[in-house]
Amino acid sequence: MVVIYVITTGGTIEKVYSEQNGTVANLDNKIDRYLRLLRLPDCDVHIVPLMNIDSLEMNDSDRAKILGTVTALLPEKAPILITHGTDTMVETGLYLQRALPQLDVPIVMTGAMAPLGFEGSDALQNLTESLLALRILSPGIYIVSHNQVFPIPNVRKDRVLGRFVKAEDKTA
């Protein structure tokens, strides 16, 4: 049985529509409801709800909480998935990489451009692909989104395309 930890931090992937004011907001953790829809034989998923905020509101104090949670889970030698808002996902990934240069397990970060359950959402695809990636990737920190795997720090969000792309090599 493969054990996987899922740390939830919020972001668009977990936003819900509020009928009262006609907006989407981070109100409630809903990853668990979607994980139950997936067939995950031989996989024991443990959800660790940490926070539920938009990543544009995230600061280094929040990143320190993510790091603390990851550090506490590392002795389990189990892969870790972090759901996160896409706007500052790379920044958090770099923060983790600086603090954790040597890892024994893969850590995958994923999010969505549209919330879970919304028509046309990429959230369930990204979640599913991330769970598979955790089973086959070597130790390190990655972003998994839209059928692609990007090692940190070789990734950036392209806001025009609405997806992650390989970062330009700044040494060339």
Protein backbone atom coordinates (compact mmCIF):
# COMPACT_ATOMS: atom_id res chain seq x y z
CA MET A 1 0.00 0.00 0.00
CA VAL A 2 1.40 3.39 -1.02
CA VAL A 3 0.78 6.17 1.50
CA ILE A 4 0.44 9.70 0.09
CA TYR A 5 -0.05 12.87 2.10
CA VAL A 6 -2.09 15.71 0.61
CA ILE A 7 -1.54 19.11 2.24
CA THR A 8 -4.28 21.55 1.27
CA THR A 9 -3.60 25.28 1.31
CA GLY A 10 -6.48 26.71 -0.72
CA GLY A 11 -6.19 28.47 -4.03
CA THR A 12 -8.56 28.33 -6.97
CA ILE A 13 -8.65 24.52 -6.88
CA GLU A 14 -10.72 24.75 -3.67
CA LYS A 15 -12.79 27.85 -4.33
CA VAL A 16 -16.58 27.65 -4.20
CA TYR A 17 -19.29 29.84 -5.67
CA SER A 18 -21.18 32.00 -3.19
CA GLU A 19 -24.77 32.57 -4.29
CA GLN A 20 -25.18 35.35 -1.72
CA ASN A 21 -22.65 37.69 -3.32
CA GLY A 22 -21.97 36.08 -6.71
CA THR A 23 -18.25 35.52 -6.15
CA VAL A 24 -15.90 32.59 -5.76
CA ALA A 25 -13.97 32.31 -2.52
CA ASN A 26 -11.99 29.94 -0.35
CA LEU A 27 -14.58 28.86 2.19
CA ASP A 28 -14.22 25.13 2.73
CA ASN A 29 -11.87 22.22 2.04
CA LYS A 30 -13.31 20.07 -0.73
CA ILE A 31 -10.36 17.98 -1.98
CA ASP A 32 -11.55 14.99 0.05
CA ARG A 33 -14.89 14.89 -1.80
CA TYR A 34 -13.11 14.70 -5.14
CA LEU A 35 -10.56 12.13 -4.02
CA ARG A 36 -13.48 9.84 -3.16
CA LEU A 37 -14.53 9.97 -6.84
CA LEU A 38 -11.20 8.51 -7.97
CA ARG A 39 -10.23 4.86 -8.16
CA LEU A 40 -7.00 4.70 -6.19
CA PRO A 41 -6.23 1.02 -5.60
CA ASP A 42 -3.23 0.30 -3.41
CA CYS A 43 -3.14 3.95 -2.33
CA ASP A 44 -3.83 5.30 1.15
CA VAL A 45 -4.34 9.07 0.90
CA HIS A 46 -4.10 11.15 4.09
CA ILE A 47 -5.46 14.70 3.79
CA VAL A 48 -3.84 17.38 5.93
CA PRO A 49 -5.95 20.57 5.75
CA LEU A 50 -3.50 23.35 6.60
CA MET A 51 -5.11 26.58 5.38
CA ASN A 52 -7.62 27.73 2.78
CA ILE A 53 -6.46 31.01 1.27
CA ASP A 54 -5.89 32.55 -2.12
CA SER A 55 -2.18 32.29 -2.93
CA LEU A 56 -2.03 36.04 -3.63
CA GLU A 57 -2.74 36.48 0.10
CA MET A 58 0.00 34.02 1.06
CA ASN A 59 3.11 35.35 2.79
CA ASP A 60 6.33 33.88 4.19
CA SER A 61 4.60 33.12 7.48
CA ASP A 62 2.15 30.91 5.57
CA ARG A 63 5.04 29.34 3.64
CA ALA A 64 6.76 28.62 6.96
CA LYS A 65 3.60 26.75 8.05
CA ILE A 66 3.70 24.70 4.85
CA LEU A 67 7.40 23.98 5.42
CA GLY A 68 6.71 22.97 9.03
CA THR A 69 3.99 20.57 7.95
CA VAL A 70 6.15 19.08 5.20
CA THR A 71 9.09 18.72 7.61
CA ALA A 72 6.85 16.94 10.13
CA LEU A 73 5.71 14.47 7.43
CA LEU A 74 9.12 13.72 5.89
CA PRO A 75 10.06 11.05 8.49
CA GLU A 76 7.11 9.00 7.15
CA LYS A 77 9.06 8.60 3.86
CA ALA A 78 5.80 9.07 1.95
CA PRO A 79 5.31 11.28 -1.12
CA ILE A 80 3.60 14.62 -0.51
CA LEU A 81 1.10 16.52 -2.65
CA ILE A 82 0.48 20.19 -1.89
CA THR A 83 -2.59 21.84 -3.37
CA HIS A 84 -1.88 25.54 -3.81
CA GLY A 85 -3.01 28.59 -5.72
CA THR A 86 -1.23 28.94 -9.05
CA ASP A 87 -0.28 32.62 -8.73
CA THR A 88 2.44 32.05 -6.12
CA MET A 89 2.98 28.30 -6.41
CA VAL A 90 6.46 28.71 -7.90
CA GLU A 91 7.45 31.07 -5.08
CA THR A 92 6.37 28.52 -2.47
CA GLY A 93 8.14 25.74 -4.35
CA LEU A 94 11.38 27.75 -4.35
CA TYR A 95 10.92 28.49 -0.63
CA LEU A 96 10.61 24.76 0.06
CA GLN A 97 13.57 23.90 -2.16
CA ARG A 98 15.84 26.35 -0.33
CA ALA A 99 14.83 24.85 3.02
CA LEU A 100 14.86 21.21 1.87
CA PRO A 101 17.79 20.74 -0.54
CA GLN A 102 18.01 16.97 0.09
CA LEU A 103 14.78 14.98 -0.10
CA ASP A 104 14.04 11.26 0.07
CA VAL A 105 10.58 11.59 -1.51
CA PRO A 106 8.93 13.58 -4.27
CA ILE A 107 6.89 16.64 -3.35
CA VAL A 108 4.38 17.69 -6.00
CA MET A 109 2.51 20.98 -6.04
CA THR A 110 -0.66 21.41 -8.07
CA GLY A 111 -3.60 23.74 -8.40
CA ALA A 112 -6.11 24.82 -10.99
CA MET A 113 -7.09 27.69 -13.22
CA ALA A 114 -10.78 26.92 -12.50
CA PRO A 115 -12.20 25.44 -9.26
CA LEU A 116 -13.05 21.78 -8.70
CA GLY A 117 -16.58 21.11 -9.90
CA PHE A 118 -16.78 24.05 -12.31
CA GLU A 119 -17.47 23.22 -15.95
CA GLY A 120 -14.23 23.11 -17.90
CA SER A 121 -12.16 22.94 -14.72
CA ASP A 122 -8.66 21.52 -14.94
CA ALA A 123 -8.65 20.73 -11.21
CA LEU A 124 -9.58 17.04 -11.21
CA GLN A 125 -7.18 16.33 -14.08
CA ASN A 126 -4.32 18.09 -12.25
CA LEU A 127 -5.17 16.32 -8.99
CA THR A 128 -5.28 12.90 -10.65
CA GLU A 129 -2.07 13.43 -12.62
CA SER A 130 -0.30 14.66 -9.48
CA LEU A 131 -1.22 11.50 -7.58
CA LEU A 132 0.23 9.36 -10.37
CA ALA A 133 3.33 11.56 -10.65
CA LEU A 134 4.05 11.07 -6.94
CA ARG A 135 4.31 7.34 -7.55
CA ILE A 136 6.87 7.58 -10.35
CA LEU A 137 8.96 10.74 -9.78
CA SER A 138 12.34 10.72 -8.10
CA PRO A 139 12.84 12.81 -4.94
CA GLY A 140 12.57 16.55 -5.52
CA ILE A 141 10.01 19.33 -5.76
CA TYR A 142 7.80 19.58 -8.83
CA ILE A 143 4.76 21.35 -10.24
CA VAL A 144 2.33 19.07 -12.06
CA SER A 145 -0.31 20.72 -14.21
CA HIS A 146 -2.02 20.12 -17.56
CA ASN A 147 -0.30 16.81 -18.28
CA GLN A 148 3.17 18.25 -17.64
CA VAL A 149 5.77 17.90 -14.89
CA PHE A 150 8.09 20.82 -14.11
CA PRO A 151 10.94 20.58 -11.63
CA ILE A 152 11.38 23.61 -9.40
CA PRO A 153 13.00 26.04 -10.36
CA ASN A 154 12.57 25.40 -14.10
CA VAL A 155 8.99 26.64 -14.27
CA ARG A 156 6.94 29.82 -14.36
CA LYS A 157 3.27 30.65 -14.73
CA ASP A 158 2.38 32.16 -18.09
CA ARG A 159 -0.64 34.30 -17.34
CA VAL A 160 -1.38 34.91 -21.03
CA LEU A 161 -1.52 31.20 -21.85
CA GLY A 162 -3.15 30.33 -18.51
CA ARG A 163 -0.69 27.53 -17.75
CA PHE A 164 2.77 26.70 -16.47
CA VAL A 165 5.68 26.70 -18.89
CA LYS A 166 9.38 25.96 -18.74
CA ALA A 167 11.27 28.94 -17.36
CA GLU A 168 13.88 30.57 -19.60
CA ASP A 169 17.43 29.63 -18.87
CA LYS A 170 18.89 32.81 -17.39
CA THR A 171 22.49 31.63 -17.94
CA ALA A 172 22.25 31.43 -21.74
